[in-house]
Protein backbone atom coordinates (compact mmCIF):
# COMPACT_ATOMS: atom_id res chain seq x y z
CA MET A 1 -33.01 -3.06 -20.89
CA ASP A 2 -30.06 -4.66 -18.54
CA LYS A 3 -30.95 -7.72 -17.13
CA ARG A 4 -30.29 -7.78 -13.10
CA GLU A 5 -30.21 -10.85 -10.71
CA THR A 6 -31.80 -10.75 -7.13
CA GLY A 7 -30.11 -11.93 -4.21
CA LYS A 8 -29.64 -11.54 -0.32
CA LEU A 9 -26.43 -9.80 0.98
CA ILE A 10 -25.86 -10.31 4.80
CA ILE A 11 -24.20 -7.07 6.16
CA ASP A 12 -23.43 -7.38 10.26
CA HIS A 13 -25.57 -10.20 10.90
CA THR A 14 -28.48 -8.28 8.98
CA SER A 15 -30.09 -9.87 5.76
CA TYR A 16 -30.87 -7.44 3.00
CA SER A 17 -32.63 -8.38 -0.60
CA THR A 18 -31.61 -6.34 -3.27
CA THR A 19 -30.40 -6.76 -6.84
CA PHE A 20 -27.44 -7.32 -8.83
CA SER A 21 -25.97 -5.93 -11.61
CA ARG A 22 -24.27 -8.54 -14.18
CA ARG A 23 -21.00 -7.15 -13.35
CA PHE A 24 -21.37 -7.49 -9.67
CA ALA A 25 -22.57 -10.71 -9.83
CA SER A 26 -19.61 -12.00 -11.80
CA ARG A 27 -17.11 -10.20 -9.84
CA LYS A 28 -14.01 -12.23 -8.24
CA PRO A 29 -15.23 -13.32 -5.19
CA TYR A 30 -12.33 -12.60 -2.21
CA GLU A 31 -9.97 -14.59 -1.25
CA PRO A 32 -7.95 -13.59 1.83
CA PRO A 33 -4.75 -13.23 1.84
CA VAL A 34 -2.10 -16.33 2.01
CA PRO A 35 0.35 -15.81 5.22
CA GLY A 36 3.54 -17.39 3.54
CA ARG A 37 3.15 -15.21 0.33
CA ILE A 38 4.76 -11.71 -0.52
CA GLN A 39 3.06 -10.28 -3.10
CA SER A 40 3.14 -6.97 -5.15
CA PHE A 41 0.28 -4.45 -4.12
CA ILE A 42 0.75 -2.34 -7.49
CA PRO A 43 2.13 -2.93 -10.94
CA GLY A 44 5.99 -2.26 -11.04
CA THR A 45 9.52 -3.16 -11.61
CA ILE A 46 11.70 -5.50 -9.11
CA VAL A 47 15.02 -3.19 -8.33
CA GLU A 48 16.57 -5.57 -6.33
CA VAL A 49 15.95 -9.18 -4.37
CA LEU A 50 17.17 -9.12 -0.99
CA VAL A 51 16.57 -12.89 -0.09
CA LYS A 52 17.23 -16.05 -1.33
CA VAL A 53 15.87 -19.70 -1.56
CA GLY A 54 16.63 -20.92 2.39
CA ASP A 55 17.54 -17.54 3.79
CA THR A 56 15.73 -17.20 7.38
CA VAL A 57 13.89 -14.01 7.45
CA ARG A 58 11.96 -12.36 10.33
CA GLU A 59 9.22 -10.22 10.76
CA GLY A 60 10.02 -6.59 9.23
CA ASP A 61 12.76 -7.48 7.36
CA VAL A 62 12.81 -6.17 3.82
CA ILE A 63 12.23 -8.92 0.97
CA VAL A 64 12.13 -7.07 -2.20
CA ILE A 65 12.41 -3.37 -3.42
CA LEU A 66 9.68 -2.50 -5.75
CA GLU A 67 9.91 0.52 -8.07
CA ALA A 68 6.26 1.64 -9.40
CA MET A 69 4.92 5.56 -10.08
CA LYS A 70 8.66 6.79 -9.43
CA MET A 71 9.20 5.42 -5.78
CA LYS A 72 10.93 2.00 -4.78
CA ASN A 73 8.58 0.14 -2.51
CA ARG A 74 10.24 -1.96 0.44
CA LEU A 75 8.21 -5.19 0.88
CA ILE A 76 8.67 -6.21 4.04
CA SER A 77 7.94 -9.77 5.57
CA HIS A 78 5.04 -10.07 7.66
CA LEU A 79 6.17 -13.38 9.59
CA ASP A 80 9.23 -15.19 10.69
CA GLY A 81 10.20 -18.31 8.21
CA ARG A 82 12.06 -19.43 5.80
CA VAL A 83 12.48 -18.42 1.78
CA VAL A 84 10.93 -21.49 0.01
CA ALA A 85 10.54 -19.88 -3.46
CA VAL A 86 11.75 -16.56 -5.23
CA ASN A 87 9.71 -16.06 -8.22
CA THR A 88 11.37 -12.70 -9.48
CA ALA A 89 14.78 -11.30 -10.33
CA PRO A 90 15.75 -7.89 -10.87
CA GLY A 91 14.44 -5.74 -13.61
CA ASN A 92 11.27 -7.95 -14.06
CA ARG A 93 7.67 -6.50 -14.43
CA VAL A 94 5.35 -7.53 -12.24
CA THR A 95 1.26 -7.32 -12.19
CA LYS A 96 -0.66 -6.13 -9.26
CA GLY A 97 -0.73 -9.64 -6.75
CA ALA A 98 1.87 -11.28 -8.30
CA VAL A 99 3.56 -13.63 -5.87
CA LEU A 100 7.60 -12.72 -5.56
CA VAL A 101 8.43 -14.44 -2.62
CA GLU A 102 6.80 -17.46 -0.64
CA ILE A 103 7.82 -18.03 3.03
CA ALA A 104 7.51 -21.16 5.39
C-alpha cells in the first residue's frame, strides 16, 4: 500500500487538509527566478552568444540564440545592466534551467 503523508495547503488565504503522495512530498520546492540570470527554458544547443563579459545590455536586447526542436530561440535581457558572466559558448548543449549569462 502506498504510504501517504497528511498536510495543510493554503490557497487564496483558505486552509485545506489533504493527503500528499510520496512523490508530491519529495518534490523540488519552488524557487523564484533570479533577476540577473538568463537561463535556458528548454534543453538545446547554443547557436550564438551575442554578448561578452563587460558589455552593457538594455532590456529587450538579444543575448543568446538557442536552437531547440529545430527552432532558433532568441533569449532576451529582461533588465538593463552589465554582463558579469557568460557561462556558455556556441556549440554547447545545455539543459533546461542552465544559467547562460549573468547580468548585474
